[in-house]
Protein backbone atom coordinates (compact mmCIF):
# COMPACT_ATOMS: atom_id res chain seq x y z
CA MET A 1 -0.10 -0.10 0.03
CA SER A 2 1.06 3.50 -0.15
CA PHE A 3 0.00 6.51 1.57
CA VAL A 4 0.77 10.41 1.25
CA ALA A 5 1.88 12.15 4.38
CA THR A 6 0.67 15.85 4.08
CA ASP A 7 1.87 18.89 5.95
CA ALA A 8 -1.13 18.62 8.06
CA PHE A 9 0.28 15.56 9.73
CA LEU A 10 3.25 17.19 10.92
CA ASN A 11 4.54 17.63 14.22
CA PRO A 12 5.84 20.48 15.56
CA ALA A 13 9.57 19.06 14.95
CA GLY A 14 8.77 19.15 11.19
CA ALA A 15 8.14 14.95 11.28
CA VAL A 16 4.97 12.78 10.53
CA GLN A 17 3.40 12.42 13.79
CA GLY A 18 3.85 9.09 15.23
CA GLY A 19 0.00 8.64 15.66
CA ILE A 20 -0.64 9.08 12.00
CA LEU A 21 2.26 6.47 11.52
CA GLY A 22 0.68 4.17 13.41
CA ALA A 23 -2.72 4.44 11.86
CA MET A 24 -0.88 3.71 8.25
CA LEU A 25 0.62 0.54 9.95
CA ASP A 26 -2.86 -0.53 11.25
CA ASP A 27 -4.09 0.38 7.80
CA THR A 28 -2.06 -2.05 6.12
CA MET A 29 -2.26 -5.06 8.01
CA GLY A 30 -5.74 -5.27 7.67
CA PRO A 31 -6.16 -5.69 4.21
CA ALA A 32 -3.49 -8.38 4.34
CA LEU A 33 -5.56 -10.11 6.69
CA TRP A 34 -8.95 -9.69 4.69
CA LEU A 35 -7.07 -10.96 1.61
CA MET A 36 -6.18 -14.41 3.93
CA ASN A 37 -9.65 -14.26 4.46
CA GLY A 38 -11.54 -13.82 1.75
CA ALA A 39 -14.65 -11.35 1.80
CA GLY A 40 -16.48 -12.59 4.35
CA ALA A 41 -14.73 -11.28 7.41
CA PHE A 42 -13.29 -8.08 8.51
CA SER A 43 -10.93 -7.49 11.27
CA ALA A 44 -11.03 -5.62 14.76
CA THR A 45 -7.70 -4.94 16.16
CA ILE A 46 -6.92 -6.06 19.58
CA ASP A 47 -3.39 -4.70 20.20
CA LEU A 48 -0.70 -2.78 18.34
CA ASN A 49 2.69 -2.05 18.98
CA VAL A 50 4.81 0.30 17.14
CA SER A 51 8.37 0.91 16.86
CA PHE A 52 9.48 4.31 15.51
CA LEU A 53 12.79 3.68 13.37
CA ALA A 54 13.38 7.09 11.78
CA ALA A 55 11.72 10.53 11.37
CA ALA A 56 9.09 10.68 8.57
CA ALA A 57 9.35 13.48 6.11
CA PRO A 58 5.83 14.52 4.57
CA GLY A 59 5.34 12.79 1.52
CA LEU A 60 4.92 9.26 -0.17
CA LEU A 61 5.32 6.25 2.22
CA PHE A 62 5.00 2.61 1.54
CA GLY A 63 3.59 0.04 3.81
CA GLU A 64 4.01 -3.56 3.61
CA GLY A 65 1.62 -6.06 5.62
CA LYS A 66 2.10 -9.66 6.73
CA VAL A 67 -0.11 -12.20 8.48
CA VAL A 68 2.31 -13.83 10.91
CA GLN A 69 -0.47 -16.48 11.77
CA LEU A 70 -3.98 -16.91 10.96
CA GLY A 71 -6.49 -18.34 13.39
CA LYS A 72 -9.88 -19.32 13.39
CA THR A 73 -11.01 -15.97 15.67
CA ILE A 74 -7.44 -14.41 16.29
CA SER A 75 -4.64 -13.76 14.09
CA PHE A 76 -1.04 -12.05 14.38
CA LEU A 77 0.32 -9.42 11.84
CA GLU A 78 2.98 -7.49 11.18
CA ALA A 79 3.77 -4.52 8.89
CA GLN A 80 6.53 -2.05 8.06
CA LEU A 81 6.67 1.29 6.62
CA SER A 82 9.40 2.70 4.29
CA ASP A 83 10.14 5.86 2.46
CA PRO A 84 10.92 6.22 -1.17
CA GLU A 85 14.38 5.39 -0.72
CA GLY A 86 13.80 2.17 1.05
CA ARG A 87 14.62 3.24 4.54
CA VAL A 88 12.27 1.85 7.11
CA ILE A 89 10.61 4.33 9.23
CA ALA A 90 8.25 2.17 11.36
CA ARG A 91 7.51 -1.44 12.02
CA SER A 92 4.40 -3.09 14.05
CA THR A 93 2.94 -6.16 15.04
CA ALA A 94 -0.56 -6.85 15.97
CA SER A 95 -3.41 -9.27 16.80
CA ALA A 96 -6.99 -8.99 15.33
CA ARG A 97 -10.07 -10.71 16.02
CA MET A 98 -12.02 -11.71 12.89
CA ILE A 99 -15.61 -10.70 12.57
CA ARG A 100 -17.54 -12.73 10.18
CA ALA A 101 -19.84 -10.70 8.10
CA ALA A 102 -23.52 -11.16 8.48
CA GLY A 103 -24.87 -13.04 5.87
């Protein structure tokens, strides 16, 4: 996935605010889980752990999500955000509960 971090997302130091990066990571893991489950379920994040590795400048960021373990009701996920030069900006792990769509 890709995201565009605008100037509206910057903290007083001029870097993209960490909560925004966390939301991007969360939004990267959700679709990875959705693809593994098919269209019959969506996920609700139970916990989210983020490690900030470098300051993120405004502009394009790339997210890569992965399902580490797919369970019947709980799954474990990870993701990372990189800048256009390939530098990893932030990493995350999460667990999510699968909620089956009403039929």
